[in-house]
Amino acid sequence: SQTAVMLNKRLNNLHDTSIIFDITNKIGLEQSYFDQYDIILCGDMLYDEQISSYLLESIKNHKFVIFGDPSRTYCPKSISDGKSKNLLAEYPYQEDGFYSTKVFRLTPDLLLEK
């Protein structure tokens, strides 16, 4: 994912833009920690109920969160069924019983779904 982000940065001439990659565990941290960042990118993190709950609760009010997920069990329902206005892209992906990976913008209204 770092390679894709850096390629995108170069292709969009964002030479003066700072990008920080941090792969340490941030699950369960307070919202205030995430507020220091303009954009949060998350990939394939919705595979466990407890982890998903902690993560989504920590970042649900952040101004700009982009998720990539193959519609795992704990992905918001309107994303997994492809009906959300927050769905940004969908890519074919056939592995582990999944058929596509979806990229979506996380907003608080998605977390109200059951």
PDB file of N, CA and C in Angstrom:
ATOM      1  N   SER A   1       0.814  -1.195   0.000  1.00  0.00           N
ATOM      2  CA  SER A   1       0.000   0.000   0.000  1.00  0.00           C
ATOM      3  C   SER A   1       0.860   1.262   0.000  1.00  0.00           C
ATOM      4  N   GLN A   2       2.035   1.196   0.626  1.00  0.00           N
ATOM      5  CA  GLN A   2       2.919   2.363   0.629  1.00  0.00           C
ATOM      6  C   GLN A   2       3.352   2.720  -0.787  1.00  0.00           C
ATOM      7  N   THR A   3       3.640   1.712  -1.578  1.00  0.00           N
ATOM      8  CA  THR A   3       4.058   1.956  -2.957  1.00  0.00           C
ATOM      9  C   THR A   3       2.946   2.640  -3.740  1.00  0.00           C
ATOM     10  N   ALA A   4       1.711   2.170  -3.578  1.00  0.00           N
ATOM     11  CA  ALA A   4       0.577   2.769  -4.289  1.00  0.00           C
ATOM     12  C   ALA A   4       0.351   4.216  -3.864  1.00  0.00           C
ATOM     13  N   VAL A   5       0.453   4.494  -2.580  1.00  0.00           N
ATOM     14  CA  VAL A   5       0.250   5.857  -2.080  1.00  0.00           C
ATOM     15  C   VAL A   5       1.339   6.784  -2.616  1.00  0.00           C
ATOM     16  N   MET A   6       2.577   6.333  -2.587  1.00  0.00           N
ATOM     17  CA  MET A   6       3.672   7.179  -3.063  1.00  0.00           C
ATOM     18  C   MET A   6       3.593   7.397  -4.577  1.00  0.00           C
ATOM     19  N   LEU A   7       3.178   6.380  -5.317  1.00  0.00           N
ATOM     20  CA  LEU A   7       2.991   6.535  -6.752  1.00  0.00           C
ATOM     21  C   LEU A   7       1.879   7.549  -7.025  1.00  0.00           C
ATOM     22  N   ASN A   8       0.790   7.438  -6.309  1.00  0.00           N
ATOM     23  CA  ASN A   8      -0.317   8.381  -6.452  1.00  0.00           C
ATOM     24  C   ASN A   8       0.143   9.806  -6.128  1.00  0.00           C
ATOM     25  N   LYS A   9       0.921   9.961  -5.091  1.00  0.00           N
ATOM     26  CA  LYS A   9       1.450  11.276  -4.713  1.00  0.00           C
ATOM     27  C   LYS A   9       2.281  11.861  -5.864  1.00  0.00           C
ATOM     28  N   ARG A  10       3.173  11.044  -6.435  1.00  0.00           N
ATOM     29  CA  ARG A  10       4.022  11.519  -7.527  1.00  0.00           C
ATOM     30  C   ARG A  10       3.197  11.858  -8.769  1.00  0.00           C
ATOM     31  N   LEU A  11       2.245  10.977  -9.129  1.00  0.00           N
ATOM     32  CA  LEU A  11       1.430  11.212 -10.323  1.00  0.00           C
ATOM     33  C   LEU A  11       0.560  12.461 -10.204  1.00  0.00           C
ATOM     34  N   ASN A  12       0.218  12.834  -8.976  1.00  0.00           N
ATOM     35  CA  ASN A  12      -0.607  14.023  -8.757  1.00  0.00           C
ATOM     36  C   ASN A  12       0.215  15.255  -8.374  1.00  0.00           C
ATOM     37  N   ASN A  13       1.528  15.164  -8.577  1.00  0.00           N
ATOM     38  CA  ASN A  13       2.432  16.286  -8.309  1.00  0.00           C
ATOM     39  C   ASN A  13       2.270  16.874  -6.914  1.00  0.00           C
ATOM     40  N   LEU A  14       2.178  16.028  -5.943  1.00  0.00           N
ATOM     41  CA  LEU A  14       2.037  16.469  -4.550  1.00  0.00           C
ATOM     42  C   LEU A  14       3.384  16.403  -3.841  1.00  0.00           C
ATOM     43  N   HIS A  15       4.376  17.019  -4.425  1.00  0.00           N
ATOM     44  CA  HIS A  15       5.745  16.926  -3.924  1.00  0.00           C
ATOM     45  C   HIS A  15       5.918  17.552  -2.549  1.00  0.00           C
ATOM     46  N   ASP A  16       5.129  18.547  -2.204  1.00  0.00           N
ATOM     47  CA  ASP A  16       5.259  19.223  -0.912  1.00  0.00           C
ATOM     48  C   ASP A  16       4.349  18.623   0.156  1.00  0.00           C
ATOM     49  N   THR A  17       3.716  17.516  -0.146  1.00  0.00           N
ATOM     50  CA  THR A  17       2.785  16.887   0.784  1.00  0.00           C
ATOM     51  C   THR A  17       3.523  15.865   1.641  1.00  0.00           C
ATOM     52  N   SER A  18       3.307  15.932   2.930  1.00  0.00           N
ATOM     53  CA  SER A  18       3.938  15.003   3.856  1.00  0.00           C
ATOM     54  C   SER A  18       3.044  13.774   4.054  1.00  0.00           C
ATOM     55  N   ILE A  19       3.641  12.594   3.940  1.00  0.00           N
ATOM     56  CA  ILE A  19       2.919  11.346   4.162  1.00  0.00           C
ATOM     57  C   ILE A  19       3.676  10.548   5.212  1.00  0.00           C
ATOM     58  N   ILE A  20       2.961  10.117   6.226  1.00  0.00           N
ATOM     59  CA  ILE A  20       3.555   9.324   7.298  1.00  0.00           C
ATOM     60  C   ILE A  20       2.946   7.926   7.249  1.00  0.00           C
ATOM     61  N   PHE A  21       3.799   6.925   7.179  1.00  0.00           N
ATOM     62  CA  PHE A  21       3.348   5.538   7.224  1.00  0.00           C
ATOM     63  C   PHE A  21       3.649   4.999   8.614  1.00  0.00           C
ATOM     64  N   ASP A  22       2.648   4.496   9.259  1.00  0.00           N
ATOM     65  CA  ASP A  22       2.821   3.960  10.610  1.00  0.00           C
ATOM     66  C   ASP A  22       1.996   2.687  10.703  1.00  0.00           C
ATOM     67  N   ILE A  23       2.657   1.572  10.821  1.00  0.00           N
ATOM     68  CA  ILE A  23       1.949   0.296  10.844  1.00  0.00           C
ATOM     69  C   ILE A  23       1.857  -0.293  12.256  1.00  0.00           C
ATOM     70  N   THR A  24       2.171   0.510  13.265  1.00  0.00           N
ATOM     71  CA  THR A  24       2.025   0.014  14.630  1.00  0.00           C
ATOM     72  C   THR A  24       0.551  -0.010  15.017  1.00  0.00           C
ATOM     73  N   ASN A  25       0.215  -0.813  15.980  1.00  0.00           N
ATOM     74  CA  ASN A  25      -1.171  -0.999  16.406  1.00  0.00           C
ATOM     75  C   ASN A  25      -1.736   0.276  17.030  1.00  0.00           C
ATOM     76  N   LYS A  26      -2.785   0.799  16.439  1.00  0.00           N
ATOM     77  CA  LYS A  26      -3.455   2.003  16.948  1.00  0.00           C
ATOM     78  C   LYS A  26      -4.865   1.707  17.436  1.00  0.00           C
ATOM     79  N   ILE A  27      -5.260   0.453  17.391  1.00  0.00           N
ATOM     80  CA  ILE A  27      -6.615   0.075  17.778  1.00  0.00           C
ATOM     81  C   ILE A  27      -6.836   0.363  19.257  1.00  0.00           C
ATOM     82  N   GLY A  28      -7.915   1.061  19.552  1.00  0.00           N
ATOM     83  CA  GLY A  28      -8.266   1.389  20.923  1.00  0.00           C
ATOM     84  C   GLY A  28      -7.775   2.750  21.382  1.00  0.00           C
ATOM     85  N   LEU A  29      -6.984   3.432  20.561  1.00  0.00           N
ATOM     86  CA  LEU A  29      -6.540   4.766  20.945  1.00  0.00           C
ATOM     87  C   LEU A  29      -7.708   5.743  20.873  1.00  0.00           C
ATOM     88  N   GLU A  30      -7.594   6.816  21.600  1.00  0.00           N
ATOM     89  CA  GLU A  30      -8.648   7.833  21.637  1.00  0.00           C
ATOM     90  C   GLU A  30      -8.722   8.592  20.313  1.00  0.00           C
ATOM     91  N   GLN A  31      -9.894   9.157  20.052  1.00  0.00           N
ATOM     92  CA  GLN A  31     -10.124   9.969  18.854  1.00  0.00           C
ATOM     93  C   GLN A  31      -9.075  11.075  18.724  1.00  0.00           C
ATOM     94  N   SER A  32      -8.658  11.663  19.829  1.00  0.00           N
ATOM     95  CA  SER A  32      -7.709  12.783  19.799  1.00  0.00           C
ATOM     96  C   SER A  32      -6.394  12.388  19.137  1.00  0.00           C
ATOM     97  N   TYR A  33      -5.976  11.138  19.272  1.00  0.00           N
ATOM     98  CA  TYR A  33      -4.752  10.695  18.611  1.00  0.00           C
ATOM     99  C   TYR A  33      -4.894  10.835  17.094  1.00  0.00           C
ATOM    100  N   PHE A  34      -6.013  10.412  16.554  1.00  0.00           N
ATOM    101  CA  PHE A  34      -6.225  10.406  15.110  1.00  0.00           C
ATOM    102  C   PHE A  34      -6.452  11.803  14.544  1.00  0.00           C
ATOM    103  N   ASP A  35      -6.858  12.742  15.378  1.00  0.00           N
ATOM    104  CA  ASP A  35      -7.134  14.098  14.914  1.00  0.00           C
ATOM    105  C   ASP A  35      -5.905  14.812  14.370  1.00  0.00           C
ATOM    106  N   GLN A  36      -4.714  14.345  14.698  1.00  0.00           N
ATOM    107  CA  GLN A  36      -3.501  15.002  14.202  1.00  0.00           C
ATOM    108  C   GLN A  36      -3.252  14.722  12.716  1.00  0.00           C
ATOM    109  N   TYR A  37      -4.001  13.789  12.137  1.00  0.00           N
ATOM    110  CA  TYR A  37      -3.820  13.419  10.735  1.00  0.00           C
ATOM    111  C   TYR A  37      -4.977  13.921   9.878  1.00  0.00           C
ATOM    112  N   ASP A  38      -4.663  14.343   8.655  1.00  0.00           N
ATOM    113  CA  ASP A  38      -5.689  14.820   7.733  1.00  0.00           C
ATOM    114  C   ASP A  38      -6.488  13.660   7.141  1.00  0.00           C
ATOM    115  N   ILE A  39      -5.813  12.576   6.815  1.00  0.00           N
ATOM    116  CA  ILE A  39      -6.445  11.420   6.185  1.00  0.00           C
ATOM    117  C   ILE A  39      -5.947  10.155   6.873  1.00  0.00           C
ATOM    118  N   ILE A  40      -6.843   9.214   7.087  1.00  0.00           N
ATOM    119  CA  ILE A  40      -6.473   7.909   7.625  1.00  0.00           C
ATOM    120  C   ILE A  40      -6.859   6.860   6.589  1.00  0.00           C
ATOM    121  N   LEU A  41      -5.904   5.993   6.253  1.00  0.00           N
ATOM    122  CA  LEU A  41      -6.143   4.892   5.322  1.00  0.00           C
ATOM    123  C   LEU A  41      -6.076   3.586   6.106  1.00  0.00           C
ATOM    124  N   CYS A  42      -7.083   2.744   5.947  1.00  0.00           N
ATOM    125  CA  CYS A  42      -7.122   1.436   6.620  1.00  0.00           C
ATOM    126  C   CYS A  42      -7.403   0.367   5.587  1.00  0.00           C
ATOM    127  N   GLY A  43      -6.722  -0.747   5.705  1.00  0.00           N
ATOM    128  CA  GLY A  43      -6.955  -1.837   4.776  1.00  0.00           C
ATOM    129  C   GLY A  43      -7.114  -3.169   5.470  1.00  0.00           C
ATOM    130  N   ASP A  44      -8.178  -3.874   5.098  1.00  0.00           N
ATOM    131  CA  ASP A  44      -8.419  -5.241   5.534  1.00  0.00           C
ATOM    132  C   ASP A  44      -8.341  -5.389   7.054  1.00  0.00           C
ATOM    133  N   MET A  45      -9.066  -4.529   7.755  1.00  0.00           N
ATOM    134  CA  MET A  45      -9.029  -4.511   9.221  1.00  0.00           C
ATOM    135  C   MET A  45     -10.335  -4.965   9.868  1.00  0.00           C
ATOM    136  N   LEU A  46     -11.331  -5.345   9.100  1.00  0.00           N
ATOM    137  CA  LEU A  46     -12.656  -5.629   9.666  1.00  0.00           C
ATOM    138  C   LEU A  46     -12.942  -7.129   9.748  1.00  0.00           C
ATOM    139  N   TYR A  47     -11.957  -7.882  10.183  1.00  0.00           N
ATOM    140  CA  TYR A  47     -12.072  -9.338  10.203  1.00  0.00           C
ATOM    141  C   TYR A  47     -12.458  -9.915  11.556  1.00  0.00           C
ATOM    142  N   ASP A  48     -12.454  -9.112  12.600  1.00  0.00           N
ATOM    143  CA  ASP A  48     -12.738  -9.587  13.950  1.00  0.00           C
ATOM    144  C   ASP A  48     -13.678  -8.594  14.631  1.00  0.00           C
ATOM    145  N   GLU A  49     -14.691  -9.099  15.329  1.00  0.00           N
ATOM    146  CA  GLU A  49     -15.702  -8.215  15.926  1.00  0.00           C
ATOM    147  C   GLU A  49     -15.094  -7.222  16.913  1.00  0.00           C
ATOM    148  N   GLN A  50     -14.250  -7.681  17.814  1.00  0.00           N
ATOM    149  CA  GLN A  50     -13.689  -6.785  18.823  1.00  0.00           C
ATOM    150  C   GLN A  50     -12.740  -5.770  18.196  1.00  0.00           C
ATOM    151  N   ILE A  51     -11.854  -6.219  17.316  1.00  0.00           N
ATOM    152  CA  ILE A  51     -10.922  -5.301  16.653  1.00  0.00           C
ATOM    153  C   ILE A  51     -11.691  -4.279  15.833  1.00  0.00           C
ATOM    154  N   SER A  52     -12.671  -4.733  15.071  1.00  0.00           N
ATOM    155  CA  SER A  52     -13.470  -3.819  14.247  1.00  0.00           C
ATOM    156  C   SER A  52     -14.179  -2.790  15.109  1.00  0.00           C
ATOM    157  N   SER A  53     -14.758  -3.235  16.198  1.00  0.00           N
ATOM    158  CA  SER A  53     -15.481  -2.333  17.092  1.00  0.00           C
ATOM    159  C   SER A  53     -14.563  -1.263  17.668  1.00  0.00           C
ATOM    160  N   TYR A  54     -13.415  -1.676  18.174  1.00  0.00           N
ATOM    161  CA  TYR A  54     -12.463  -0.707  18.741  1.00  0.00           C
ATOM    162  C   TYR A  54     -11.968   0.268  17.685  1.00  0.00           C
ATOM    163  N   LEU A  55     -11.598  -0.269  16.534  1.00  0.00           N
ATOM    164  CA  LEU A  55     -11.069   0.578  15.467  1.00  0.00           C
ATOM    165  C   LEU A  55     -12.110   1.577  14.974  1.00  0.00           C
ATOM    166  N   LEU A  56     -13.290   1.089  14.646  1.00  0.00           N
ATOM    167  CA  LEU A  56     -14.331   1.971  14.111  1.00  0.00           C
ATOM    168  C   LEU A  56     -14.750   3.022  15.143  1.00  0.00           C
ATOM    169  N   GLU A  57     -14.798   2.654  16.405  1.00  0.00           N
ATOM    170  CA  GLU A  57     -15.145   3.613  17.455  1.00  0.00           C
ATOM    171  C   GLU A  57     -14.073   4.703  17.573  1.00  0.00           C
ATOM    172  N   SER A  58     -12.823   4.324  17.418  1.00  0.00           N
ATOM    173  CA  SER A  58     -11.722   5.279  17.546  1.00  0.00           C
ATOM    174  C   SER A  58     -11.696   6.311  16.425  1.00  0.00           C
ATOM    175  N   ILE A  59     -12.122   5.920  15.235  1.00  0.00           N
ATOM    176  CA  ILE A  59     -11.972   6.823  14.084  1.00  0.00           C
ATOM    177  C   ILE A  59     -13.287   7.297  13.490  1.00  0.00           C
ATOM    178  N   LYS A  60     -14.407   6.953  14.114  1.00  0.00           N
ATOM    179  CA  LYS A  60     -15.708   7.214  13.482  1.00  0.00           C
ATOM    180  C   LYS A  60     -15.994   8.687  13.235  1.00  0.00           C
ATOM    181  N   ASN A  61     -15.413   9.578  13.990  1.00  0.00           N
ATOM    182  CA  ASN A  61     -15.682  11.006  13.803  1.00  0.00           C
ATOM    183  C   ASN A  61     -14.543  11.749  13.117  1.00  0.00           C
ATOM    184  N   HIS A  62     -13.567  11.016  12.636  1.00  0.00           N
ATOM    185  CA  HIS A  62     -12.458  11.665  11.938  1.00  0.00           C
ATOM    186  C   HIS A  62     -12.973  12.255  10.631  1.00  0.00           C
ATOM    187  N   LYS A  63     -12.356  13.347  10.194  1.00  0.00           N
ATOM    188  CA  LYS A  63     -12.871  14.055   9.016  1.00  0.00           C
ATOM    189  C   LYS A  63     -12.709  13.306   7.702  1.00  0.00           C
ATOM    190  N   PHE A  64     -11.713  12.400   7.595  1.00  0.00           N
ATOM    191  CA  PHE A  64     -11.519  11.736   6.313  1.00  0.00           C
ATOM    192  C   PHE A  64     -10.849  10.380   6.520  1.00  0.00           C
ATOM    193  N   VAL A  65     -11.630   9.310   6.447  1.00  0.00           N
ATOM    194  CA  VAL A  65     -11.121   7.952   6.616  1.00  0.00           C
ATOM    195  C   VAL A  65     -11.487   7.139   5.377  1.00  0.00           C
ATOM    196  N   ILE A  66     -10.486   6.522   4.776  1.00  0.00           N
ATOM    197  CA  ILE A  66     -10.695   5.663   3.620  1.00  0.00           C
ATOM    198  C   ILE A  66     -10.351   4.233   4.030  1.00  0.00           C
ATOM    199  N   PHE A  67     -11.282   3.321   3.756  1.00  0.00           N
ATOM    200  CA  PHE A  67     -11.128   1.909   4.083  1.00  0.00           C
ATOM    201  C   PHE A  67     -11.098   1.079   2.815  1.00  0.00           C
ATOM    202  N   GLY A  68     -10.315   0.034   2.829  1.00  0.00           N
ATOM    203  CA  GLY A  68     -10.372  -0.990   1.798  1.00  0.00           C
ATOM    204  C   GLY A  68     -10.676  -2.303   2.496  1.00  0.00           C
ATOM    205  N   ASP A  69     -11.681  -3.022   2.038  1.00  0.00           N
ATOM    206  CA  ASP A  69     -12.070  -4.261   2.710  1.00  0.00           C
ATOM    207  C   ASP A  69     -12.806  -5.180   1.740  1.00  0.00           C
ATOM    208  N   PRO A  70     -12.547  -6.500   1.837  1.00  0.00           N
ATOM    209  CA  PRO A  70     -13.256  -7.433   0.955  1.00  0.00           C
ATOM    210  C   PRO A  70     -14.625  -7.847   1.507  1.00  0.00           C
ATOM    211  N   SER A  71     -15.309  -6.903   2.157  1.00  0.00           N
ATOM    212  CA  SER A  71     -16.654  -7.130   2.700  1.00  0.00           C
ATOM    213  C   SER A  71     -16.674  -8.246   3.736  1.00  0.00           C
ATOM    214  N   ARG A  72     -15.775  -8.167   4.643  1.00  0.00           N
ATOM    215  CA  ARG A  72     -15.738  -9.151   5.724  1.00  0.00           C
ATOM    216  C   ARG A  72     -16.970  -8.996   6.611  1.00  0.00           C
ATOM    217  N   THR A  73     -17.127  -9.891   7.535  1.00  0.00           N
ATOM    218  CA  THR A  73     -18.304  -9.948   8.394  1.00  0.00           C
ATOM    219  C   THR A  73     -18.593  -8.635   9.103  1.00  0.00           C
ATOM    220  N   TYR A  74     -17.564  -7.904   9.512  1.00  0.00           N
ATOM    221  CA  TYR A  74     -17.777  -6.710  10.332  1.00  0.00           C
ATOM    222  C   TYR A  74     -17.639  -5.418   9.534  1.00  0.00           C
ATOM    223  N   CYS A  75     -17.741  -5.515   8.233  1.00  0.00           N
ATOM    224  CA  CYS A  75     -17.791  -4.345   7.356  1.00  0.00           C
ATOM    225  C   CYS A  75     -19.222  -3.801   7.399  1.00  0.00           C
ATOM    226  N   PRO A  76     -19.392  -2.455   7.435  1.00  0.00           N
ATOM    227  CA  PRO A  76     -20.765  -1.913   7.429  1.00  0.00           C
ATOM    228  C   PRO A  76     -21.605  -2.523   6.298  1.00  0.00           C
ATOM    229  N   LYS A  77     -22.846  -2.873   6.610  1.00  0.00           N
ATOM    230  CA  LYS A  77     -23.713  -3.623   5.692  1.00  0.00           C
ATOM    231  C   LYS A  77     -23.904  -2.947   4.332  1.00  0.00           C
ATOM    232  N   SER A  78     -24.134  -1.638   4.298  1.00  0.00           N
ATOM    233  CA  SER A  78     -24.376  -1.000   3.000  1.00  0.00           C
ATOM    234  C   SER A  78     -23.120  -1.014   2.125  1.00  0.00           C
ATOM    235  N   ILE A  79     -21.954  -1.134   2.744  1.00  0.00           N
ATOM    236  CA  ILE A  79     -20.727  -1.268   1.962  1.00  0.00           C
ATOM    237  C   ILE A  79     -20.642  -2.684   1.408  1.00  0.00           C
ATOM    238  N   SER A  80     -20.852  -3.673   2.267  1.00  0.00           N
ATOM    239  CA  SER A  80     -20.705  -5.053   1.816  1.00  0.00           C
ATOM    240  C   SER A  80     -21.741  -5.414   0.749  1.00  0.00           C
ATOM    241  N   ASP A  81     -22.929  -4.791   0.799  1.00  0.00           N
ATOM    242  CA  ASP A  81     -23.922  -5.105  -0.228  1.00  0.00           C
ATOM    243  C   ASP A  81     -23.852  -4.159  -1.426  1.00  0.00           C
ATOM    244  N   GLY A  82     -22.897  -3.216  -1.406  1.00  0.00           N
ATOM    245  CA  GLY A  82     -22.661  -2.339  -2.552  1.00  0.00           C
ATOM    246  C   GLY A  82     -23.668  -1.221  -2.747  1.00  0.00           C
ATOM    247  N   LYS A  83     -24.477  -0.907  -1.725  1.00  0.00           N
ATOM    248  CA  LYS A  83     -25.534   0.091  -1.882  1.00  0.00           C
ATOM    249  C   LYS A  83     -25.198   1.454  -1.262  1.00  0.00           C
ATOM    250  N   SER A  84     -24.004   1.622  -0.757  1.00  0.00           N
ATOM    251  CA  SER A  84     -23.671   2.858  -0.054  1.00  0.00           C
ATOM    252  C   SER A  84     -23.211   3.962  -0.991  1.00  0.00           C
ATOM    253  N   LYS A  85     -23.603   5.181  -0.670  1.00  0.00           N
ATOM    254  CA  LYS A  85     -23.099   6.350  -1.393  1.00  0.00           C
ATOM    255  C   LYS A  85     -21.619   6.567  -1.068  1.00  0.00           C
ATOM    256  N   ASN A  86     -21.127   5.923  -0.032  1.00  0.00           N
ATOM    257  CA  ASN A  86     -19.740   6.064   0.392  1.00  0.00           C
ATOM    258  C   ASN A  86     -18.790   5.121  -0.354  1.00  0.00           C
ATOM    259  N   LEU A  87     -19.339   4.221  -1.156  1.00  0.00           N
ATOM    260  CA  LEU A  87     -18.509   3.298  -1.920  1.00  0.00           C
ATOM    261  C   LEU A  87     -17.768   4.082  -2.998  1.00  0.00           C
ATOM    262  N   LEU A  88     -16.446   4.030  -2.974  1.00  0.00           N
ATOM    263  CA  LEU A  88     -15.633   4.792  -3.919  1.00  0.00           C
ATOM    264  C   LEU A  88     -15.173   3.949  -5.103  1.00  0.00           C
ATOM    265  N   ALA A  89     -14.907   2.668  -4.843  1.00  0.00           N
ATOM    266  CA  ALA A  89     -14.420   1.783  -5.905  1.00  0.00           C
ATOM    267  C   ALA A  89     -14.611   0.334  -5.478  1.00  0.00           C
ATOM    268  N   GLU A  90     -14.641  -0.537  -6.464  1.00  0.00           N
ATOM    269  CA  GLU A  90     -14.723  -1.967  -6.199  1.00  0.00           C
ATOM    270  C   GLU A  90     -13.827  -2.678  -7.203  1.00  0.00           C
ATOM    271  N   TYR A  91     -13.030  -3.619  -6.703  1.00  0.00           N
ATOM    272  CA  TYR A  91     -12.069  -4.319  -7.543  1.00  0.00           C
ATOM    273  C   TYR A  91     -12.264  -5.825  -7.411  1.00  0.00           C
ATOM    274  N   PRO A  92     -12.147  -6.564  -8.515  1.00  0.00           N
ATOM    275  CA  PRO A  92     -12.255  -8.024  -8.437  1.00  0.00           C
ATOM    276  C   PRO A  92     -11.160  -8.584  -7.534  1.00  0.00           C
ATOM    277  N   TYR A  93     -11.530  -9.556  -6.729  1.00  0.00           N
ATOM    278  CA  TYR A  93     -10.593 -10.181  -5.798  1.00  0.00           C
ATOM    279  C   TYR A  93     -11.156 -11.540  -5.433  1.00  0.00           C
ATOM    280  N   GLN A  94     -10.505 -12.581  -5.866  1.00  0.00           N
ATOM    281  CA  GLN A  94     -11.024 -13.920  -5.576  1.00  0.00           C
ATOM    282  C   GLN A  94     -10.011 -14.680  -4.737  1.00  0.00           C
ATOM    283  N   GLU A  95     -10.272 -14.641  -3.442  1.00  0.00           N
ATOM    284  CA  GLU A  95      -9.427 -15.356  -2.503  1.00  0.00           C
ATOM    285  C   GLU A  95     -10.183 -15.504  -1.195  1.00  0.00           C
ATOM    286  N   ASP A  96      -9.988 -16.603  -0.523  1.00  0.00           N
ATOM    287  CA  ASP A  96     -10.593 -16.832   0.796  1.00  0.00           C
ATOM    288  C   ASP A  96     -12.107 -16.661   0.800  1.00  0.00           C
ATOM    289  N   GLY A  97     -12.779 -16.968  -0.310  1.00  0.00           N
ATOM    290  CA  GLY A  97     -14.228 -16.868  -0.369  1.00  0.00           C
ATOM    291  C   GLY A  97     -14.766 -15.484  -0.678  1.00  0.00           C
ATOM    292  N   PHE A  98     -13.896 -14.529  -0.973  1.00  0.00           N
ATOM    293  CA  PHE A  98     -14.324 -13.180  -1.320  1.00  0.00           C
ATOM    294  C   PHE A  98     -14.215 -12.986  -2.827  1.00  0.00           C
ATOM    295  N   TYR A  99     -15.074 -12.113  -3.359  1.00  0.00           N
ATOM    296  CA  TYR A  99     -15.095 -11.916  -4.806  1.00  0.00           C
ATOM    297  C   TYR A  99     -14.743 -10.506  -5.237  1.00  0.00           C
ATOM    298  N   SER A 100     -14.676  -9.593  -4.270  1.00  0.00           N
ATOM    299  CA  SER A 100     -14.260  -8.233  -4.605  1.00  0.00           C
ATOM    300  C   SER A 100     -13.761  -7.536  -3.348  1.00  0.00           C
ATOM    301  N   THR A 101     -12.988  -6.505  -3.576  1.00  0.00           N
ATOM    302  CA  THR A 101     -12.536  -5.629  -2.497  1.00  0.00           C
ATOM    303  C   THR A 101     -13.154  -4.272  -2.754  1.00  0.00           C
ATOM    304  N   LYS A 102     -13.700  -3.681  -1.721  1.00  0.00           N
ATOM    305  CA  LYS A 102     -14.353  -2.385  -1.845  1.00  0.00           C
ATOM    306  C   LYS A 102     -13.544  -1.319  -1.122  1.00  0.00           C
ATOM    307  N   VAL A 103     -13.516  -0.140  -1.713  1.00  0.00           N
ATOM    308  CA  VAL A 103     -12.871   1.013  -1.105  1.00  0.00           C
ATOM    309  C   VAL A 103     -13.985   2.000  -0.802  1.00  0.00           C
ATOM    310  N   PHE A 104     -14.052   2.451   0.448  1.00  0.00           N
ATOM    311  CA  PHE A 104     -15.134   3.342   0.839  1.00  0.00           C
ATOM    312  C   PHE A 104     -14.665   4.392   1.825  1.00  0.00           C
ATOM    313  N   ARG A 105     -15.420   5.465   1.865  1.00  0.00           N
ATOM    314  CA  ARG A 105     -15.168   6.516   2.854  1.00  0.00           C
ATOM    315  C   ARG A 105     -16.031   6.223   4.073  1.00  0.00           C
ATOM    316  N   LEU A 106     -15.385   6.148   5.229  1.00  0.00           N
ATOM    317  CA  LEU A 106     -16.092   5.879   6.466  1.00  0.00           C
ATOM    318  C   LEU A 106     -16.721   7.166   6.995  1.00  0.00           C
ATOM    319  N   THR A 107     -17.992   7.118   7.272  1.00  0.00           N
ATOM    320  CA  THR A 107     -18.699   8.237   7.898  1.00  0.00           C
ATOM    321  C   THR A 107     -19.513   7.685   9.077  1.00  0.00           C
ATOM    322  N   PRO A 108     -19.815   8.523  10.069  1.00  0.00           N
ATOM    323  CA  PRO A 108     -20.529   8.028  11.247  1.00  0.00           C
ATOM    324  C   PRO A 108     -21.853   7.334  10.932  1.00  0.00           C
ATOM    325  N   ASP A 109     -22.556   7.747   9.875  1.00  0.00           N
ATOM    326  CA  ASP A 109     -23.843   7.121   9.565  1.00  0.00           C
ATOM    327  C   ASP A 109     -23.699   5.647   9.193  1.00  0.00           C
ATOM    328  N   LEU A 110     -22.561   5.256   8.641  1.00  0.00           N
ATOM    329  CA  LEU A 110     -22.347   3.846   8.303  1.00  0.00           C
ATOM    330  C   LEU A 110     -22.285   2.980   9.564  1.00  0.00           C
ATOM    331  N   LEU A 111     -21.855   3.560  10.652  1.00  0.00           N
ATOM    332  CA  LEU A 111     -21.689   2.789  11.881  1.00  0.00           C
ATOM    333  C   LEU A 111     -23.010   2.594  12.615  1.00  0.00           C
ATOM    334  N   LEU A 112     -24.049   3.283  12.206  1.00  0.00           N
ATOM    335  CA  LEU A 112     -25.352   3.123  12.818  1.00  0.00           C
ATOM    336  C   LEU A 112     -26.113   1.936  12.270  1.00  0.00           C
ATOM    337  N   GLU A 113     -25.630   1.370  11.153  1.00  0.00           N
ATOM    338  CA  GLU A 113     -26.296   0.251  10.506  1.00  0.00           C
ATOM    339  C   GLU A 113     -26.124  -1.022  11.306  1.00  0.00           C
ATOM    340  N   LYS A 114     -27.111  -1.860  11.249  1.00  0.00           N
ATOM    341  CA  LYS A 114     -27.005  -3.186  11.886  1.00  0.00           C
ATOM    342  C   LYS A 114     -27.315  -4.239  10.852  1.00  0.00           C
TER     343      LYS A 114
END
